Amino acid sequence: MPPTPALSQERYTARGQEPGWTLTIANGRMDYVGDYGTTRISVPRPEPIIAINGHIYRTRRLTVSTSHGRCNDAMSGQGFADHVMVIADGKTVRGCGGERRKEWDQ
């Protein structure tokens, strides 16, 4: 299983469409920007929960779930290593994250 941002201390990014959102996990924080920039949540990164095929990060306002497997961005068709689901203040969005995989571009 690939290392997680929590374990490797590397920067992890994810994004999704309709409405546009981004997530960055780095430097001990999770930073979410949703609804094309109108929603912003920044929280300390909790320790990950190891899931069957990924990781889950839970806080009061933000839950991030990653699942390793081919994911293509809905707008660009770019390939990424993970499917990502974010629940931000009760609103669920889905997209792609992790390592960019150009060989999976559509």
N, C-alpha and C. Protein backbone atom coordinates (compact mmCIF):
# COMPACT_ATOMS: atom_id res chain seq x y z
N MET A 1 0.85 -1.17 0.00
CA MET A 1 0.00 0.00 0.00
C MET A 1 0.90 1.24 0.00
N PRO A 2 0.60 2.26 -0.85
CA PRO A 2 1.42 3.46 -0.88
C PRO A 2 1.39 4.19 0.45
N PRO A 3 2.46 4.95 0.76
CA PRO A 3 2.47 5.68 2.03
C PRO A 3 1.41 6.76 2.05
N THR A 4 0.94 7.07 3.24
CA THR A 4 -0.06 8.13 3.39
C THR A 4 0.64 9.43 3.72
N PRO A 5 -0.03 10.58 3.52
CA PRO A 5 0.58 11.85 3.90
C PRO A 5 0.92 11.88 5.39
N ALA A 6 0.12 11.23 6.21
CA ALA A 6 0.36 11.24 7.64
C ALA A 6 1.63 10.46 7.99
N LEU A 7 1.87 9.39 7.26
CA LEU A 7 3.01 8.56 7.57
C LEU A 7 4.28 9.07 6.91
N SER A 8 4.19 9.57 5.71
CA SER A 8 5.37 9.98 4.97
C SER A 8 5.68 11.46 5.14
N GLN A 9 4.72 12.25 5.68
CA GLN A 9 4.86 13.69 5.85
C GLN A 9 4.98 14.41 4.51
N GLU A 10 4.56 13.79 3.44
CA GLU A 10 4.56 14.43 2.14
C GLU A 10 3.27 15.19 1.94
N ARG A 11 3.27 16.02 0.93
CA ARG A 11 2.09 16.80 0.56
C ARG A 11 1.15 15.91 -0.25
N TYR A 12 -0.12 15.91 0.12
CA TYR A 12 -1.15 15.15 -0.60
C TYR A 12 -2.19 16.15 -1.10
N THR A 13 -2.54 16.04 -2.37
CA THR A 13 -3.55 16.94 -2.92
C THR A 13 -4.64 16.13 -3.60
N ALA A 14 -5.85 16.70 -3.59
CA ALA A 14 -7.00 16.10 -4.25
C ALA A 14 -7.87 17.22 -4.78
N ARG A 15 -8.72 16.88 -5.76
CA ARG A 15 -9.62 17.88 -6.33
C ARG A 15 -10.82 17.21 -6.93
N GLY A 16 -11.86 18.02 -7.13
CA GLY A 16 -13.07 17.50 -7.74
C GLY A 16 -13.83 18.62 -8.42
N GLN A 17 -14.89 18.25 -9.10
CA GLN A 17 -15.65 19.18 -9.93
C GLN A 17 -17.12 19.20 -9.52
N GLU A 18 -17.76 20.27 -9.87
CA GLU A 18 -19.21 20.45 -9.76
C GLU A 18 -19.76 20.17 -8.38
N PRO A 19 -19.56 21.00 -7.43
CA PRO A 19 -18.81 22.26 -7.51
C PRO A 19 -17.32 22.03 -7.33
N GLY A 20 -16.52 22.91 -7.88
CA GLY A 20 -15.07 22.77 -7.81
C GLY A 20 -14.56 22.82 -6.37
N TRP A 21 -13.62 21.92 -6.05
CA TRP A 21 -13.03 21.89 -4.72
C TRP A 21 -11.60 21.39 -4.78
N THR A 22 -10.81 21.73 -3.76
CA THR A 22 -9.45 21.22 -3.62
C THR A 22 -9.21 20.86 -2.16
N LEU A 23 -8.29 19.93 -1.96
CA LEU A 23 -7.89 19.52 -0.61
C LEU A 23 -6.38 19.38 -0.62
N THR A 24 -5.75 19.89 0.42
CA THR A 24 -4.32 19.71 0.62
C THR A 24 -4.09 19.19 2.03
N ILE A 25 -3.31 18.12 2.13
CA ILE A 25 -2.89 17.61 3.43
C ILE A 25 -1.38 17.77 3.47
N ALA A 26 -0.91 18.64 4.38
CA ALA A 26 0.53 18.91 4.49
C ALA A 26 0.80 19.66 5.78
N ASN A 27 2.02 19.53 6.26
CA ASN A 27 2.47 20.29 7.43
C ASN A 27 1.52 20.15 8.63
N GLY A 28 0.97 18.95 8.82
CA GLY A 28 0.12 18.71 9.97
C GLY A 28 -1.27 19.30 9.87
N ARG A 29 -1.70 19.70 8.67
CA ARG A 29 -3.02 20.33 8.48
C ARG A 29 -3.75 19.70 7.30
N MET A 30 -5.07 19.86 7.32
CA MET A 30 -5.91 19.54 6.15
C MET A 30 -6.61 20.85 5.78
N ASP A 31 -6.41 21.27 4.54
CA ASP A 31 -7.00 22.51 4.05
C ASP A 31 -7.93 22.20 2.89
N TYR A 32 -9.20 22.53 3.07
CA TYR A 32 -10.23 22.28 2.06
C TYR A 32 -10.78 23.61 1.57
N VAL A 33 -10.88 23.73 0.26
CA VAL A 33 -11.52 24.89 -0.37
C VAL A 33 -12.60 24.33 -1.28
N GLY A 34 -13.86 24.65 -0.98
CA GLY A 34 -14.97 24.10 -1.76
C GLY A 34 -15.88 25.16 -2.33
N ASP A 35 -16.85 24.69 -3.09
CA ASP A 35 -17.85 25.58 -3.70
C ASP A 35 -17.18 26.73 -4.45
N TYR A 36 -16.18 26.37 -5.28
CA TYR A 36 -15.45 27.37 -6.08
C TYR A 36 -14.83 28.45 -5.23
N GLY A 37 -14.42 28.12 -4.00
CA GLY A 37 -13.71 29.05 -3.14
C GLY A 37 -14.54 29.69 -2.04
N THR A 38 -15.84 29.49 -2.02
CA THR A 38 -16.66 30.14 -0.99
C THR A 38 -16.63 29.42 0.35
N THR A 39 -16.29 28.12 0.36
CA THR A 39 -16.16 27.35 1.60
C THR A 39 -14.69 27.08 1.86
N ARG A 40 -14.23 27.42 3.05
CA ARG A 40 -12.83 27.17 3.42
C ARG A 40 -12.79 26.56 4.82
N ILE A 41 -12.14 25.39 4.91
CA ILE A 41 -11.99 24.72 6.20
C ILE A 41 -10.52 24.32 6.34
N SER A 42 -9.93 24.71 7.44
CA SER A 42 -8.54 24.35 7.74
C SER A 42 -8.52 23.79 9.16
N VAL A 43 -8.08 22.53 9.28
CA VAL A 43 -8.07 21.85 10.58
C VAL A 43 -6.76 21.09 10.76
N PRO A 44 -6.36 20.85 12.01
CA PRO A 44 -5.20 19.99 12.25
C PRO A 44 -5.47 18.59 11.68
N ARG A 45 -4.46 18.00 11.07
CA ARG A 45 -4.61 16.66 10.50
C ARG A 45 -4.60 15.62 11.61
N PRO A 46 -5.66 14.83 11.71
CA PRO A 46 -5.66 13.75 12.71
C PRO A 46 -4.84 12.57 12.20
N GLU A 47 -4.56 11.64 13.07
CA GLU A 47 -3.91 10.40 12.64
C GLU A 47 -4.89 9.66 11.73
N PRO A 48 -4.39 9.04 10.67
CA PRO A 48 -5.29 8.35 9.76
C PRO A 48 -5.79 7.03 10.34
N ILE A 49 -6.98 6.67 9.92
CA ILE A 49 -7.53 5.35 10.18
C ILE A 49 -7.20 4.53 8.94
N ILE A 50 -6.55 3.40 9.13
CA ILE A 50 -6.19 2.55 7.99
C ILE A 50 -7.44 1.79 7.56
N ALA A 51 -7.84 1.99 6.30
CA ALA A 51 -9.00 1.32 5.75
C ALA A 51 -8.51 0.14 4.89
N ILE A 52 -9.44 -0.62 4.34
CA ILE A 52 -9.09 -1.79 3.52
C ILE A 52 -8.20 -1.40 2.35
N ASN A 53 -8.52 -0.29 1.66
CA ASN A 53 -7.78 0.09 0.48
C ASN A 53 -7.44 1.58 0.47
N GLY A 54 -7.18 2.15 1.64
CA GLY A 54 -6.88 3.57 1.70
C GLY A 54 -6.82 4.05 3.14
N HIS A 55 -7.22 5.30 3.33
CA HIS A 55 -7.13 5.93 4.65
C HIS A 55 -8.31 6.86 4.88
N ILE A 56 -8.63 7.05 6.15
CA ILE A 56 -9.71 7.95 6.53
C ILE A 56 -9.17 8.92 7.58
N TYR A 57 -9.46 10.20 7.39
CA TYR A 57 -9.10 11.24 8.35
C TYR A 57 -10.41 11.86 8.82
N ARG A 58 -10.65 11.88 10.14
CA ARG A 58 -11.92 12.41 10.66
C ARG A 58 -11.67 13.54 11.65
N THR A 59 -12.37 14.65 11.42
CA THR A 59 -12.42 15.75 12.38
C THR A 59 -13.88 16.17 12.49
N ARG A 60 -14.15 17.10 13.37
CA ARG A 60 -15.53 17.55 13.57
C ARG A 60 -16.12 18.14 12.29
N ARG A 61 -15.35 18.90 11.53
CA ARG A 61 -15.87 19.57 10.34
C ARG A 61 -15.50 18.90 9.03
N LEU A 62 -14.49 18.06 9.04
CA LEU A 62 -13.95 17.53 7.78
C LEU A 62 -13.62 16.05 7.92
N THR A 63 -14.15 15.24 7.01
CA THR A 63 -13.78 13.83 6.91
C THR A 63 -13.26 13.60 5.50
N VAL A 64 -12.10 12.97 5.40
CA VAL A 64 -11.49 12.67 4.11
C VAL A 64 -11.26 11.17 4.04
N SER A 65 -11.74 10.57 2.95
CA SER A 65 -11.56 9.14 2.74
C SER A 65 -10.87 8.94 1.40
N THR A 66 -9.73 8.21 1.41
CA THR A 66 -9.02 7.91 0.17
C THR A 66 -9.12 6.42 -0.11
N SER A 67 -9.22 6.08 -1.37
CA SER A 67 -9.27 4.69 -1.79
C SER A 67 -8.34 4.55 -3.00
N HIS A 68 -7.34 3.68 -2.87
CA HIS A 68 -6.36 3.52 -3.94
C HIS A 68 -6.98 2.82 -5.14
N GLY A 69 -6.83 3.43 -6.30
CA GLY A 69 -7.35 2.86 -7.54
C GLY A 69 -7.51 3.95 -8.58
N ARG A 70 -7.43 3.58 -9.82
CA ARG A 70 -7.48 4.53 -10.92
C ARG A 70 -8.68 5.47 -10.82
N CYS A 71 -8.39 6.77 -10.93
CA CYS A 71 -9.43 7.79 -10.89
C CYS A 71 -9.13 8.82 -11.97
N ASN A 72 -10.14 9.18 -12.74
CA ASN A 72 -9.97 10.20 -13.77
C ASN A 72 -10.81 11.42 -13.43
N ASP A 73 -10.18 12.59 -13.46
CA ASP A 73 -10.87 13.84 -13.19
C ASP A 73 -12.01 14.03 -14.19
N ALA A 74 -13.17 14.42 -13.67
CA ALA A 74 -14.38 14.52 -14.49
C ALA A 74 -14.26 15.57 -15.59
N MET A 75 -13.53 16.65 -15.36
CA MET A 75 -13.42 17.72 -16.36
C MET A 75 -12.25 17.51 -17.32
N SER A 76 -11.08 17.23 -16.76
CA SER A 76 -9.87 17.18 -17.58
C SER A 76 -9.57 15.79 -18.13
N GLY A 77 -10.07 14.74 -17.47
CA GLY A 77 -9.74 13.38 -17.85
C GLY A 77 -8.39 12.93 -17.32
N GLN A 78 -7.68 13.79 -16.56
CA GLN A 78 -6.38 13.43 -16.02
C GLN A 78 -6.50 12.27 -15.04
N GLY A 79 -5.51 11.38 -15.08
CA GLY A 79 -5.50 10.21 -14.21
C GLY A 79 -4.77 10.45 -12.91
N PHE A 80 -5.31 9.88 -11.82
CA PHE A 80 -4.72 9.99 -10.49
C PHE A 80 -4.79 8.62 -9.81
N ALA A 81 -4.00 8.44 -8.76
CA ALA A 81 -3.87 7.15 -8.08
C ALA A 81 -5.01 6.83 -7.12
N ASP A 82 -5.79 7.85 -6.69
CA ASP A 82 -6.79 7.61 -5.65
C ASP A 82 -8.15 8.23 -5.97
N HIS A 83 -9.18 7.55 -5.49
CA HIS A 83 -10.53 8.15 -5.41
C HIS A 83 -10.58 8.83 -4.05
N VAL A 84 -11.17 10.01 -3.99
CA VAL A 84 -11.23 10.76 -2.73
C VAL A 84 -12.67 11.22 -2.50
N MET A 85 -13.14 11.03 -1.26
CA MET A 85 -14.44 11.56 -0.85
C MET A 85 -14.19 12.49 0.34
N VAL A 86 -14.78 13.67 0.29
CA VAL A 86 -14.65 14.64 1.36
C VAL A 86 -16.05 14.98 1.87
N ILE A 87 -16.20 14.98 3.19
CA ILE A 87 -17.43 15.47 3.81
C ILE A 87 -17.03 16.73 4.57
N ALA A 88 -17.48 17.87 4.07
CA ALA A 88 -17.12 19.17 4.63
C ALA A 88 -18.36 19.82 5.21
N ASP A 89 -18.42 19.95 6.53
CA ASP A 89 -19.60 20.51 7.20
C ASP A 89 -20.88 19.84 6.72
N GLY A 90 -20.82 18.51 6.56
CA GLY A 90 -22.00 17.73 6.19
C GLY A 90 -22.25 17.59 4.70
N LYS A 91 -21.50 18.29 3.86
CA LYS A 91 -21.69 18.22 2.40
C LYS A 91 -20.63 17.29 1.80
N THR A 92 -21.09 16.30 1.01
CA THR A 92 -20.19 15.31 0.44
C THR A 92 -19.82 15.66 -1.00
N VAL A 93 -18.52 15.60 -1.30
CA VAL A 93 -18.02 15.78 -2.66
C VAL A 93 -17.06 14.64 -2.97
N ARG A 94 -16.90 14.35 -4.24
CA ARG A 94 -16.01 13.25 -4.66
C ARG A 94 -15.10 13.73 -5.78
N GLY A 95 -13.90 13.15 -5.80
CA GLY A 95 -12.96 13.51 -6.85
C GLY A 95 -11.76 12.58 -6.82
N CYS A 96 -10.62 13.09 -7.29
CA CYS A 96 -9.41 12.30 -7.43
C CYS A 96 -8.26 12.96 -6.67
N GLY A 97 -7.27 12.15 -6.30
CA GLY A 97 -6.12 12.70 -5.61
C GLY A 97 -4.94 11.77 -5.65
N GLY A 98 -3.90 12.19 -4.96
CA GLY A 98 -2.69 11.38 -4.89
C GLY A 98 -1.82 11.57 -6.11
N GLU A 99 -1.00 10.57 -6.37
CA GLU A 99 -0.02 10.64 -7.46
C GLU A 99 -0.70 10.83 -8.81
N ARG A 100 -0.17 11.76 -9.59
CA ARG A 100 -0.65 12.00 -10.95
C ARG A 100 -0.18 10.84 -11.82
N ARG A 101 -1.10 10.23 -12.56
CA ARG A 101 -0.79 9.08 -13.41
C ARG A 101 -1.13 9.40 -14.86
N LYS A 102 -0.17 9.98 -15.59
CA LYS A 102 -0.42 10.43 -16.96
C LYS A 102 -0.81 9.28 -17.89
N GLU A 103 -0.33 8.08 -17.60
CA GLU A 103 -0.68 6.94 -18.46
C GLU A 103 -2.14 6.58 -18.37
N TRP A 104 -2.87 7.11 -17.38
CA TRP A 104 -4.29 6.86 -17.23
C TRP A 104 -5.16 7.98 -17.79
N ASP A 105 -4.55 9.02 -18.35
CA ASP A 105 -5.33 10.13 -18.90
C ASP A 105 -6.31 9.63 -19.97
N GLN A 106 -7.48 10.27 -19.99
CA GLN A 106 -8.48 9.91 -21.00
C GLN A 106 -8.65 11.04 -21.98
